PDB file of N, CA and C in Angstrom:
ATOM      1  N   MET A   1      26.877   9.347 -10.811  1.00  0.00           N
ATOM      2  CA  MET A   1      25.995   8.908  -9.748  1.00  0.00           C
ATOM      3  C   MET A   1      26.820   8.067  -8.781  1.00  0.00           C
ATOM      4  N   ASP A   2      26.784   8.454  -7.534  1.00  0.00           N
ATOM      5  CA  ASP A   2      27.530   7.702  -6.541  1.00  0.00           C
ATOM      6  C   ASP A   2      26.611   6.766  -5.755  1.00  0.00           C
ATOM      7  N   PHE A   3      27.224   5.983  -4.908  1.00  0.00           N
ATOM      8  CA  PHE A   3      26.489   4.971  -4.158  1.00  0.00           C
ATOM      9  C   PHE A   3      25.474   5.598  -3.205  1.00  0.00           C
ATOM     10  N   GLY A   4      25.835   6.706  -2.580  1.00  0.00           N
ATOM     11  CA  GLY A   4      24.931   7.380  -1.641  1.00  0.00           C
ATOM     12  C   GLY A   4      23.675   7.895  -2.321  1.00  0.00           C
ATOM     13  N   PHE A   5      23.824   8.429  -3.520  1.00  0.00           N
ATOM     14  CA  PHE A   5      22.667   8.934  -4.264  1.00  0.00           C
ATOM     15  C   PHE A   5      21.726   7.790  -4.634  1.00  0.00           C
ATOM     16  N   ALA A   6      22.308   6.672  -5.088  1.00  0.00           N
ATOM     17  CA  ALA A   6      21.486   5.514  -5.455  1.00  0.00           C
ATOM     18  C   ALA A   6      20.767   4.949  -4.234  1.00  0.00           C
ATOM     19  N   MET A   7      21.440   4.891  -3.111  1.00  0.00           N
ATOM     20  CA  MET A   7      20.806   4.398  -1.891  1.00  0.00           C
ATOM     21  C   MET A   7      19.689   5.330  -1.427  1.00  0.00           C
ATOM     22  N   ASN A   8      19.871   6.620  -1.616  1.00  0.00           N
ATOM     23  CA  ASN A   8      18.825   7.580  -1.252  1.00  0.00           C
ATOM     24  C   ASN A   8      17.584   7.392  -2.126  1.00  0.00           C
ATOM     25  N   VAL A   9      17.781   7.166  -3.405  1.00  0.00           N
ATOM     26  CA  VAL A   9      16.656   6.927  -4.315  1.00  0.00           C
ATOM     27  C   VAL A   9      15.935   5.644  -3.938  1.00  0.00           C
ATOM     28  N   ILE A  10      16.685   4.593  -3.643  1.00  0.00           N
ATOM     29  CA  ILE A  10      16.070   3.321  -3.264  1.00  0.00           C
ATOM     30  C   ILE A  10      15.341   3.445  -1.939  1.00  0.00           C
ATOM     31  N   ARG A  11      15.938   4.122  -0.967  1.00  0.00           N
ATOM     32  CA  ARG A  11      15.316   4.300   0.344  1.00  0.00           C
ATOM     33  C   ARG A  11      14.023   5.096   0.213  1.00  0.00           C
ATOM     34  N   THR A  12      14.035   6.143  -0.587  1.00  0.00           N
ATOM     35  CA  THR A  12      12.831   6.942  -0.799  1.00  0.00           C
ATOM     36  C   THR A  12      11.753   6.126  -1.499  1.00  0.00           C
ATOM     37  N   GLY A  13      12.140   5.309  -2.476  1.00  0.00           N
ATOM     38  CA  GLY A  13      11.171   4.471  -3.173  1.00  0.00           C
ATOM     39  C   GLY A  13      10.519   3.452  -2.254  1.00  0.00           C
ATOM     40  N   VAL A  14      11.313   2.809  -1.404  1.00  0.00           N
ATOM     41  CA  VAL A  14      10.760   1.837  -0.455  1.00  0.00           C
ATOM     42  C   VAL A  14       9.845   2.530   0.545  1.00  0.00           C
ATOM     43  N   PHE A  15      10.238   3.724   0.983  1.00  0.00           N
ATOM     44  CA  PHE A  15       9.400   4.489   1.909  1.00  0.00           C
ATOM     45  C   PHE A  15       8.050   4.811   1.279  1.00  0.00           C
ATOM     46  N   TYR A  16       8.047   5.242   0.033  1.00  0.00           N
ATOM     47  CA  TYR A  16       6.792   5.552  -0.657  1.00  0.00           C
ATOM     48  C   TYR A  16       5.937   4.297  -0.840  1.00  0.00           C
ATOM     49  N   VAL A  17       6.552   3.168  -1.133  1.00  0.00           N
ATOM     50  CA  VAL A  17       5.799   1.921  -1.276  1.00  0.00           C
ATOM     51  C   VAL A  17       5.114   1.568   0.036  1.00  0.00           C
ATOM     52  N   LEU A  18       5.837   1.692   1.145  1.00  0.00           N
ATOM     53  CA  LEU A  18       5.254   1.391   2.448  1.00  0.00           C
ATOM     54  C   LEU A  18       4.121   2.345   2.798  1.00  0.00           C
ATOM     55  N   ILE A  19       4.307   3.618   2.531  1.00  0.00           N
ATOM     56  CA  ILE A  19       3.276   4.611   2.848  1.00  0.00           C
ATOM     57  C   ILE A  19       2.043   4.394   1.977  1.00  0.00           C
ATOM     58  N   ILE A  20       2.227   4.106   0.711  1.00  0.00           N
ATOM     59  CA  ILE A  20       1.098   3.961  -0.208  1.00  0.00           C
ATOM     60  C   ILE A  20       0.325   2.671   0.067  1.00  0.00           C
ATOM     61  N   ALA A  21       1.018   1.585   0.367  1.00  0.00           N
ATOM     62  CA  ALA A  21       0.349   0.298   0.546  1.00  0.00           C
ATOM     63  C   ALA A  21      -0.266   0.117   1.933  1.00  0.00           C
ATOM     64  N   SER A  22       0.197   0.869   2.918  1.00  0.00           N
ATOM     65  CA  SER A  22      -0.229   0.610   4.294  1.00  0.00           C
ATOM     66  C   SER A  22      -1.728   0.792   4.553  1.00  0.00           C
ATOM     67  N   PRO A  23      -2.415   1.822   4.031  1.00  0.00           N
ATOM     68  CA  PRO A  23      -3.850   1.915   4.344  1.00  0.00           C
ATOM     69  C   PRO A  23      -4.659   0.720   3.856  1.00  0.00           C
ATOM     70  N   ILE A  24      -4.389   0.280   2.648  1.00  0.00           N
ATOM     71  CA  ILE A  24      -5.157  -0.837   2.099  1.00  0.00           C
ATOM     72  C   ILE A  24      -4.811  -2.134   2.831  1.00  0.00           C
ATOM     73  N   LEU A  25      -3.541  -2.342   3.144  1.00  0.00           N
ATOM     74  CA  LEU A  25      -3.156  -3.553   3.870  1.00  0.00           C
ATOM     75  C   LEU A  25      -3.747  -3.568   5.272  1.00  0.00           C
ATOM     76  N   LEU A  26      -3.725  -2.431   5.959  1.00  0.00           N
ATOM     77  CA  LEU A  26      -4.279  -2.380   7.307  1.00  0.00           C
ATOM     78  C   LEU A  26      -5.783  -2.617   7.311  1.00  0.00           C
ATOM     79  N   ILE A  27      -6.481  -2.068   6.339  1.00  0.00           N
ATOM     80  CA  ILE A  27      -7.925  -2.299   6.256  1.00  0.00           C
ATOM     81  C   ILE A  27      -8.215  -3.762   5.953  1.00  0.00           C
ATOM     82  N   GLY A  28      -7.466  -4.356   5.042  1.00  0.00           N
ATOM     83  CA  GLY A  28      -7.642  -5.776   4.735  1.00  0.00           C
ATOM     84  C   GLY A  28      -7.362  -6.660   5.939  1.00  0.00           C
ATOM     85  N   MET A  29      -6.316  -6.336   6.693  1.00  0.00           N
ATOM     86  CA  MET A  29      -6.015  -7.115   7.890  1.00  0.00           C
ATOM     87  C   MET A  29      -7.073  -6.926   8.961  1.00  0.00           C
ATOM     88  N   GLY A  30      -7.580  -5.699   9.099  1.00  0.00           N
ATOM     89  CA  GLY A  30      -8.624  -5.440  10.087  1.00  0.00           C
ATOM     90  C   GLY A  30      -9.906  -6.199   9.780  1.00  0.00           C
ATOM     91  N   VAL A  31     -10.309  -6.192   8.534  1.00  0.00           N
ATOM     92  CA  VAL A  31     -11.509  -6.933   8.132  1.00  0.00           C
ATOM     93  C   VAL A  31     -11.295  -8.427   8.332  1.00  0.00           C
ATOM     94  N   GLY A  32     -10.115  -8.922   7.997  1.00  0.00           N
ATOM     95  CA  GLY A  32      -9.819 -10.335   8.213  1.00  0.00           C
ATOM     96  C   GLY A  32      -9.856 -10.711   9.683  1.00  0.00           C
ATOM     97  N   LEU A  33      -9.349  -9.822  10.534  1.00  0.00           N
ATOM     98  CA  LEU A  33      -9.380 -10.081  11.974  1.00  0.00           C
ATOM     99  C   LEU A  33     -10.809 -10.109  12.507  1.00  0.00           C
ATOM    100  N   ILE A  34     -11.623  -9.164  12.066  1.00  0.00           N
ATOM    101  CA  ILE A  34     -13.023  -9.116  12.506  1.00  0.00           C
ATOM    102  C   ILE A  34     -13.766 -10.380  12.063  1.00  0.00           C
ATOM    103  N   ILE A  35     -13.536 -10.789  10.829  1.00  0.00           N
ATOM    104  CA  ILE A  35     -14.221 -11.987  10.330  1.00  0.00           C
ATOM    105  C   ILE A  35     -13.733 -13.236  11.050  1.00  0.00           C
ATOM    106  N   SER A  36     -12.444 -13.319  11.337  1.00  0.00           N
ATOM    107  CA  SER A  36     -11.942 -14.502  12.049  1.00  0.00           C
ATOM    108  C   SER A  36     -12.461 -14.545  13.483  1.00  0.00           C
ATOM    109  N   ILE A  37     -12.617 -13.383  14.126  1.00  0.00           N
ATOM    110  CA  ILE A  37     -13.223 -13.363  15.459  1.00  0.00           C
ATOM    111  C   ILE A  37     -14.674 -13.806  15.373  1.00  0.00           C
ATOM    112  N   PHE A  38     -15.393 -13.340  14.354  1.00  0.00           N
ATOM    113  CA  PHE A  38     -16.780 -13.770  14.147  1.00  0.00           C
ATOM    114  C   PHE A  38     -16.863 -15.274  13.914  1.00  0.00           C
ATOM    115  N   GLN A  39     -15.942 -15.809  13.122  1.00  0.00           N
ATOM    116  CA  GLN A  39     -15.935 -17.248  12.864  1.00  0.00           C
ATOM    117  C   GLN A  39     -15.615 -18.043  14.130  1.00  0.00           C
ATOM    118  N   ALA A  40     -14.721 -17.516  14.950  1.00  0.00           N
ATOM    119  CA  ALA A  40     -14.368 -18.237  16.177  1.00  0.00           C
ATOM    120  C   ALA A  40     -15.517 -18.230  17.184  1.00  0.00           C
ATOM    121  N   THR A  41     -16.249 -17.133  17.258  1.00  0.00           N
ATOM    122  CA  THR A  41     -17.347 -17.069  18.234  1.00  0.00           C
ATOM    123  C   THR A  41     -18.563 -17.865  17.790  1.00  0.00           C
ATOM    124  N   THR A  42     -18.776 -17.969  16.488  1.00  0.00           N
ATOM    125  CA  THR A  42     -19.955 -18.694  16.005  1.00  0.00           C
ATOM    126  C   THR A  42     -19.638 -20.114  15.569  1.00  0.00           C
ATOM    127  N   SER A  43     -18.399 -20.522  15.670  1.00  0.00           N
ATOM    128  CA  SER A  43     -17.944 -21.865  15.270  1.00  0.00           C
ATOM    129  C   SER A  43     -18.222 -22.169  13.802  1.00  0.00           C
ATOM    130  N   ILE A  44     -18.227 -21.147  12.964  1.00  0.00           N
ATOM    131  CA  ILE A  44     -18.348 -21.342  11.520  1.00  0.00           C
ATOM    132  C   ILE A  44     -16.930 -21.500  10.971  1.00  0.00           C
ATOM    133  N   GLN A  45     -16.639 -22.612  10.347  1.00  0.00           N
ATOM    134  CA  GLN A  45     -15.297 -22.883   9.850  1.00  0.00           C
ATOM    135  C   GLN A  45     -15.251 -22.898   8.326  1.00  0.00           C
ATOM    136  N   GLU A  46     -15.975 -22.020   7.702  1.00  0.00           N
ATOM    137  CA  GLU A  46     -15.978 -21.925   6.241  1.00  0.00           C
ATOM    138  C   GLU A  46     -14.780 -21.078   5.802  1.00  0.00           C
ATOM    139  N   GLN A  47     -13.893 -21.645   5.000  1.00  0.00           N
ATOM    140  CA  GLN A  47     -12.674 -20.962   4.588  1.00  0.00           C
ATOM    141  C   GLN A  47     -12.929 -19.833   3.594  1.00  0.00           C
ATOM    142  N   THR A  48     -13.969 -19.976   2.786  1.00  0.00           N
ATOM    143  CA  THR A  48     -14.218 -18.975   1.748  1.00  0.00           C
ATOM    144  C   THR A  48     -15.012 -17.780   2.254  1.00  0.00           C
ATOM    145  N   LEU A  49     -15.430 -17.791   3.514  1.00  0.00           N
ATOM    146  CA  LEU A  49     -16.221 -16.696   4.059  1.00  0.00           C
ATOM    147  C   LEU A  49     -15.433 -15.394   4.133  1.00  0.00           C
ATOM    148  N   THR A  50     -14.140 -15.472   4.247  1.00  0.00           N
ATOM    149  CA  THR A  50     -13.331 -14.264   4.423  1.00  0.00           C
ATOM    150  C   THR A  50     -13.054 -13.529   3.115  1.00  0.00           C
ATOM    151  N   PHE A  51     -13.156 -14.204   1.995  1.00  0.00           N
ATOM    152  CA  PHE A  51     -12.717 -13.596   0.739  1.00  0.00           C
ATOM    153  C   PHE A  51     -13.583 -12.432   0.283  1.00  0.00           C
ATOM    154  N   VAL A  52     -14.877 -12.594   0.277  1.00  0.00           N
ATOM    155  CA  VAL A  52     -15.763 -11.552  -0.259  1.00  0.00           C
ATOM    156  C   VAL A  52     -15.698 -10.271   0.570  1.00  0.00           C
ATOM    157  N   PRO A  53     -15.792 -10.317   1.902  1.00  0.00           N
ATOM    158  CA  PRO A  53     -15.677  -9.063   2.656  1.00  0.00           C
ATOM    159  C   PRO A  53     -14.304  -8.405   2.536  1.00  0.00           C
ATOM    160  N   LYS A  54     -13.244  -9.214   2.481  1.00  0.00           N
ATOM    161  CA  LYS A  54     -11.905  -8.634   2.316  1.00  0.00           C
ATOM    162  C   LYS A  54     -11.768  -7.943   0.965  1.00  0.00           C
ATOM    163  N   ILE A  55     -12.243  -8.592  -0.079  1.00  0.00           N
ATOM    164  CA  ILE A  55     -12.159  -7.998  -1.413  1.00  0.00           C
ATOM    165  C   ILE A  55     -12.978  -6.712  -1.476  1.00  0.00           C
ATOM    166  N   ALA A  56     -14.177  -6.735  -0.888  1.00  0.00           N
ATOM    167  CA  ALA A  56     -15.018  -5.537  -0.883  1.00  0.00           C
ATOM    168  C   ALA A  56     -14.353  -4.413  -0.088  1.00  0.00           C
ATOM    169  N   ALA A  57     -13.761  -4.738   1.059  1.00  0.00           N
ATOM    170  CA  ALA A  57     -13.101  -3.713   1.867  1.00  0.00           C
ATOM    171  C   ALA A  57     -11.891  -3.129   1.152  1.00  0.00           C
ATOM    172  N   VAL A  58     -11.120  -3.982   0.490  1.00  0.00           N
ATOM    173  CA  VAL A  58      -9.944  -3.493  -0.229  1.00  0.00           C
ATOM    174  C   VAL A  58     -10.363  -2.617  -1.406  1.00  0.00           C
ATOM    175  N   LEU A  59     -11.399  -3.019  -2.138  1.00  0.00           N
ATOM    176  CA  LEU A  59     -11.864  -2.196  -3.262  1.00  0.00           C
ATOM    177  C   LEU A  59     -12.411  -0.851  -2.786  1.00  0.00           C
ATOM    178  N   LEU A  60     -13.174  -0.863  -1.699  1.00  0.00           N
ATOM    179  CA  LEU A  60     -13.688   0.406  -1.160  1.00  0.00           C
ATOM    180  C   LEU A  60     -12.563   1.293  -0.649  1.00  0.00           C
ATOM    181  N   SER A  61     -11.575   0.691   0.009  1.00  0.00           N
ATOM    182  CA  SER A  61     -10.461   1.502   0.491  1.00  0.00           C
ATOM    183  C   SER A  61      -9.621   2.025  -0.669  1.00  0.00           C
ATOM    184  N   PHE A  62      -9.519   1.240  -1.741  1.00  0.00           N
ATOM    185  CA  PHE A  62      -8.793   1.729  -2.913  1.00  0.00           C
ATOM    186  C   PHE A  62      -9.537   2.895  -3.565  1.00  0.00           C
ATOM    187  N   MET A  63     -10.861   2.815  -3.574  1.00  0.00           N
ATOM    188  CA  MET A  63     -11.642   3.934  -4.116  1.00  0.00           C
ATOM    189  C   MET A  63     -11.484   5.177  -3.244  1.00  0.00           C
ATOM    190  N   PHE A  64     -11.410   4.989  -1.930  1.00  0.00           N
ATOM    191  CA  PHE A  64     -11.286   6.119  -1.022  1.00  0.00           C
ATOM    192  C   PHE A  64      -9.877   6.693  -1.016  1.00  0.00           C
ATOM    193  N   PHE A  65      -8.849   5.825  -0.941  1.00  0.00           N
ATOM    194  CA  PHE A  65      -7.462   6.271  -0.855  1.00  0.00           C
ATOM    195  C   PHE A  65      -6.779   6.389  -2.212  1.00  0.00           C
ATOM    196  N   GLY A  66      -7.440   5.991  -3.288  1.00  0.00           N
ATOM    197  CA  GLY A  66      -6.830   6.000  -4.609  1.00  0.00           C
ATOM    198  C   GLY A  66      -6.285   7.341  -5.055  1.00  0.00           C
ATOM    199  N   PRO A  67      -7.072   8.420  -4.960  1.00  0.00           N
ATOM    200  CA  PRO A  67      -6.530   9.717  -5.387  1.00  0.00           C
ATOM    201  C   PRO A  67      -5.301  10.137  -4.589  1.00  0.00           C
ATOM    202  N   TRP A  68      -5.314   9.880  -3.297  1.00  0.00           N
ATOM    203  CA  TRP A  68      -4.158  10.217  -2.459  1.00  0.00           C
ATOM    204  C   TRP A  68      -2.944   9.389  -2.867  1.00  0.00           C
ATOM    205  N   MET A  69      -3.171   8.105  -3.135  1.00  0.00           N
ATOM    206  CA  MET A  69      -2.076   7.230  -3.532  1.00  0.00           C
ATOM    207  C   MET A  69      -1.463   7.673  -4.862  1.00  0.00           C
ATOM    208  N   PHE A  70      -2.318   8.000  -5.818  1.00  0.00           N
ATOM    209  CA  PHE A  70      -1.807   8.438  -7.111  1.00  0.00           C
ATOM    210  C   PHE A  70      -1.099   9.784  -7.009  1.00  0.00           C
ATOM    211  N   ARG A  71      -1.579  10.658  -6.126  1.00  0.00           N
ATOM    212  CA  ARG A  71      -0.898  11.938  -5.915  1.00  0.00           C
ATOM    213  C   ARG A  71       0.511  11.713  -5.379  1.00  0.00           C
ATOM    214  N   LEU A  72       0.653  10.789  -4.434  1.00  0.00           N
ATOM    215  CA  LEU A  72       1.991  10.485  -3.912  1.00  0.00           C
ATOM    216  C   LEU A  72       2.890   9.870  -4.977  1.00  0.00           C
ATOM    217  N   LEU A  73       2.335   8.976  -5.796  1.00  0.00           N
ATOM    218  CA  LEU A  73       3.133   8.373  -6.873  1.00  0.00           C
ATOM    219  C   LEU A  73       3.580   9.411  -7.894  1.00  0.00           C
ATOM    220  N   ILE A  74       2.692  10.331  -8.224  1.00  0.00           N
ATOM    221  CA  ILE A  74       3.047  11.392  -9.170  1.00  0.00           C
ATOM    222  C   ILE A  74       4.121  12.295  -8.577  1.00  0.00           C
ATOM    223  N   GLN A  75       3.990  12.613  -7.285  1.00  0.00           N
ATOM    224  CA  GLN A  75       4.989  13.450  -6.619  1.00  0.00           C
ATOM    225  C   GLN A  75       6.358  12.761  -6.612  1.00  0.00           C
ATOM    226  N   PHE A  76       6.377  11.465  -6.312  1.00  0.00           N
ATOM    227  CA  PHE A  76       7.637  10.726  -6.317  1.00  0.00           C
ATOM    228  C   PHE A  76       8.245  10.681  -7.712  1.00  0.00           C
ATOM    229  N   THR A  77       7.415  10.460  -8.729  1.00  0.00           N
ATOM    230  CA  THR A  77       7.913  10.390 -10.102  1.00  0.00           C
ATOM    231  C   THR A  77       8.477  11.730 -10.552  1.00  0.00           C
ATOM    232  N   ILE A  78       7.799  12.817 -10.214  1.00  0.00           N
ATOM    233  CA  ILE A  78       8.288  14.148 -10.594  1.00  0.00           C
ATOM    234  C   ILE A  78       9.617  14.433  -9.903  1.00  0.00           C
ATOM    235  N   ASN A  79       9.722  14.091  -8.606  1.00  0.00           N
ATOM    236  CA  ASN A  79      10.998  14.284  -7.898  1.00  0.00           C
ATOM    237  C   ASN A  79      12.106  13.445  -8.510  1.00  0.00           C
ATOM    238  N   LEU A  80      11.776  12.228  -8.906  1.00  0.00           N
ATOM    239  CA  LEU A  80      12.766  11.351  -9.528  1.00  0.00           C
ATOM    240  C   LEU A  80      13.217  11.898 -10.882  1.00  0.00           C
ATOM    241  N   LEU A  81      12.273  12.387 -11.670  1.00  0.00           N
ATOM    242  CA  LEU A  81      12.627  12.957 -12.976  1.00  0.00           C
ATOM    243  C   LEU A  81      13.409  14.257 -12.830  1.00  0.00           C
ATOM    244  N   ASN A  82      13.146  15.018 -11.778  1.00  0.00           N
ATOM    245  CA  ASN A  82      13.906  16.247 -11.550  1.00  0.00           C
ATOM    246  C   ASN A  82      15.332  15.959 -11.114  1.00  0.00           C
ATOM    247  N   GLN A  83      15.613  14.760 -10.632  1.00  0.00           N
ATOM    248  CA  GLN A  83      16.958  14.399 -10.191  1.00  0.00           C
ATOM    249  C   GLN A  83      17.802  13.816 -11.321  1.00  0.00           C
ATOM    250  N   ILE A  84      17.253  13.673 -12.508  1.00  0.00           N
ATOM    251  CA  ILE A  84      18.018  13.118 -13.637  1.00  0.00           C
ATOM    252  C   ILE A  84      19.245  13.961 -13.966  1.00  0.00           C
ATOM    253  N   PRO A  85      19.152  15.309 -13.977  1.00  0.00           N
ATOM    254  CA  PRO A  85      20.380  16.060 -14.273  1.00  0.00           C
ATOM    255  C   PRO A  85      21.489  15.822 -13.253  1.00  0.00           C
ATOM    256  N   MET A  86      21.152  15.489 -12.030  1.00  0.00           N
ATOM    257  CA  MET A  86      22.185  15.210 -11.022  1.00  0.00           C
ATOM    258  C   MET A  86      22.877  13.881 -11.327  1.00  0.00           C
ATOM    259  N   VAL A  87      22.170  12.951 -11.977  1.00  0.00           N
ATOM    260  CA  VAL A  87      22.754  11.659 -12.300  1.00  0.00           C
ATOM    261  C   VAL A  87      23.721  11.787 -13.464  1.00  0.00           C
ATOM    262  N   VAL A  88      23.410  12.631 -14.416  1.00  0.00           N
ATOM    263  CA  VAL A  88      24.205  12.770 -15.634  1.00  0.00           C
ATOM    264  C   VAL A  88      25.555  13.408 -15.333  1.00  0.00           C
ATOM    265  N   ARG A  89      25.613  14.287 -14.330  1.00  0.00           N
ATOM    266  CA  ARG A  89      26.873  14.976 -14.018  1.00  0.00           C
ATOM    267  C   ARG A  89      27.990  14.059 -13.729  1.00  0.00           C
TER     268      ARG A  89
END
């Protein structure tokens, strides 16, 4: 196994992490932004108001995007396992 092969595996792994995590992170940030705008317009300064809607949005997005995320993880794992003979050489 040479340095280029290891860097390719690491680069692909980081790419998959970014692709898999981005929908849930973007939804969580969007809900947080909406709630903070609501808090700013209504002058409600309750710190715990953001937690429940964010948690609910993240759980719903995980339920919606979960099968897609697991499919990508399985695809990455299968590709990684198929590259084992190239490492042994």
